[in-house]
Each structure stands twice: as C-alpha cells, then as structure tokens.
Amino acid sequence: MEKFYSHDLKCMVQQICKRTARKLFNEGKDIYFLSSKMRFDNVWMPPMCAQKDGFSFSDYSFDQICNFYEIYNCDNYRGRYTHFFVKAD
C-alpha cells in the first residue's frame, strides 16, 4: 500500500492489512490502530500504538486488543472498523 509522511511521528508510515499487522505485532513491532474514517495526522483522535512487550498490552493477544479498540473507538461517525499502520523502513 501507499506510504505517506506523518508529521506527528516524523517518519514515513504505511497502511497494512490485519493479517500483516498480526504477524508484525507478534514479532514485536509497533502497530498503530485508527478508526477507518479518520486521517492519520488529525487533532481529535490520534492513532493508538500497540506494542507486544508494552506495559499495558503484555497479557493480551492481537485480536483481543483489536476488539477492545473497536468497541471503544469505532462507531458510525469515526468508522466501523480499524485500519492498521506501521512505520515504513
């Protein structure tokens, strides 16, 4: 998918599919979650960064984190599902 520059992260970011996000998360990479209708660099809802070895997500699987995010952050206004992003190399 297309890469773009994130002004908040000061690096290139690439959108990825859920399968690739799950694989990279299990490898220990940082995955960014964002509702489907939101822009990556917006003021109102910044993307959530999930790390496998992070303090708050160490006991949960990727699918559990994804479900938690969609329950609390996805709706008709912001988007019904999640887009996944990773820093491009």
Protein backbone atom coordinates (compact mmCIF):
# COMPACT_ATOMS: atom_id res chain seq x y z
CA MET A 1 0.00 0.00 0.00
CA GLU A 2 0.96 3.63 -0.34
CA LYS A 3 3.39 5.23 2.09
CA PHE A 4 2.92 8.73 3.44
CA TYR A 5 4.75 11.08 5.78
CA SER A 6 3.43 11.51 9.32
CA HIS A 7 4.14 14.91 10.84
CA ASP A 8 3.36 13.63 14.35
CA LEU A 9 5.77 10.67 14.18
CA LYS A 10 8.28 12.45 11.89
CA CYS A 11 8.66 9.39 9.66
CA MET A 12 7.09 7.51 6.76
CA VAL A 13 4.02 5.41 7.62
CA GLN A 14 2.36 2.63 5.64
CA GLN A 15 -1.13 1.18 5.96
CA ILE A 16 -1.18 -2.63 6.25
CA CYS A 17 -3.83 -5.34 6.37
CA LYS A 18 -4.95 -7.08 9.55
CA ARG A 19 -3.07 -10.30 8.78
CA THR A 20 0.22 -8.45 8.31
CA ALA A 21 -0.46 -6.35 11.42
CA ARG A 22 -0.99 -9.51 13.49
CA LYS A 23 2.26 -11.01 12.18
CA LEU A 24 4.29 -7.86 12.86
CA PHE A 25 2.73 -7.43 16.30
CA ASN A 26 3.76 -10.98 17.24
CA GLU A 27 7.29 -10.17 16.04
CA GLY A 28 7.39 -7.22 18.45
CA LYS A 29 6.90 -4.28 16.06
CA ASP A 30 4.82 -1.21 16.91
CA ILE A 31 1.37 -1.26 15.28
CA TYR A 32 -0.84 1.83 15.10
CA PHE A 33 -4.63 1.45 15.27
CA LEU A 34 -7.01 4.07 13.87
CA SER A 35 -10.71 4.13 13.00
CA SER A 36 -11.39 3.79 9.29
CA LYS A 37 -12.80 7.28 8.59
CA MET A 38 -10.10 9.19 10.48
CA ARG A 39 -6.93 10.69 8.98
CA PHE A 40 -3.65 9.55 10.49
CA ASP A 41 -2.46 13.06 11.45
CA ASN A 42 -5.55 14.59 13.00
CA VAL A 43 -6.07 16.70 16.10
CA TRP A 44 -9.09 14.95 17.60
CA MET A 45 -8.18 11.26 17.53
CA PRO A 46 -4.50 10.29 17.31
CA PRO A 47 -3.63 6.69 16.39
CA MET A 48 -3.10 4.23 19.23
CA CYS A 49 0.28 2.49 19.34
CA ALA A 50 0.26 -1.15 20.48
CA GLN A 51 3.46 -2.99 21.43
CA LYS A 52 3.61 -6.67 22.29
CA ASP A 53 6.08 -6.04 25.09
CA GLY A 54 4.41 -2.82 26.19
CA PHE A 55 3.28 -2.34 29.76
CA SER A 56 -0.47 -2.30 29.16
CA PHE A 57 -0.78 -4.96 26.42
CA SER A 58 1.59 -7.70 27.59
CA ASP A 59 -1.24 -10.01 28.72
CA TYR A 60 -3.46 -9.67 25.63
CA SER A 61 -3.36 -11.15 22.14
CA PHE A 62 -3.55 -9.04 18.98
CA ASP A 63 -7.19 -9.99 18.38
CA GLN A 64 -8.19 -9.01 21.93
CA ILE A 65 -6.50 -5.61 21.57
CA CYS A 66 -8.21 -5.11 18.20
CA ASN A 67 -11.60 -5.98 19.69
CA PHE A 68 -11.06 -3.62 22.65
CA TYR A 69 -10.13 -0.81 20.27
CA GLU A 70 -13.15 -1.35 18.03
CA ILE A 71 -15.58 -1.48 20.96
CA TYR A 72 -14.47 1.85 22.39
CA ASN A 73 -13.31 3.81 19.32
CA CYS A 74 -15.27 2.68 16.26
CA ASP A 75 -18.78 3.91 15.52
CA ASN A 76 -20.81 5.30 12.61
CA TYR A 77 -19.15 8.72 12.82
CA ARG A 78 -15.46 7.70 13.11
CA GLY A 79 -15.65 4.44 11.13
CA ARG A 80 -16.97 0.95 11.80
CA TYR A 81 -13.65 -0.90 11.59
CA THR A 82 -9.94 -0.41 12.25
CA HIS A 83 -7.10 0.50 9.90
CA PHE A 84 -3.61 -0.65 10.84
CA PHE A 85 -0.39 1.27 10.23
CA VAL A 86 3.31 0.62 10.72
CA LYS A 87 6.39 2.80 10.37
CA ALA A 88 7.91 2.23 6.93
CA ASP A 89 11.59 1.35 6.72
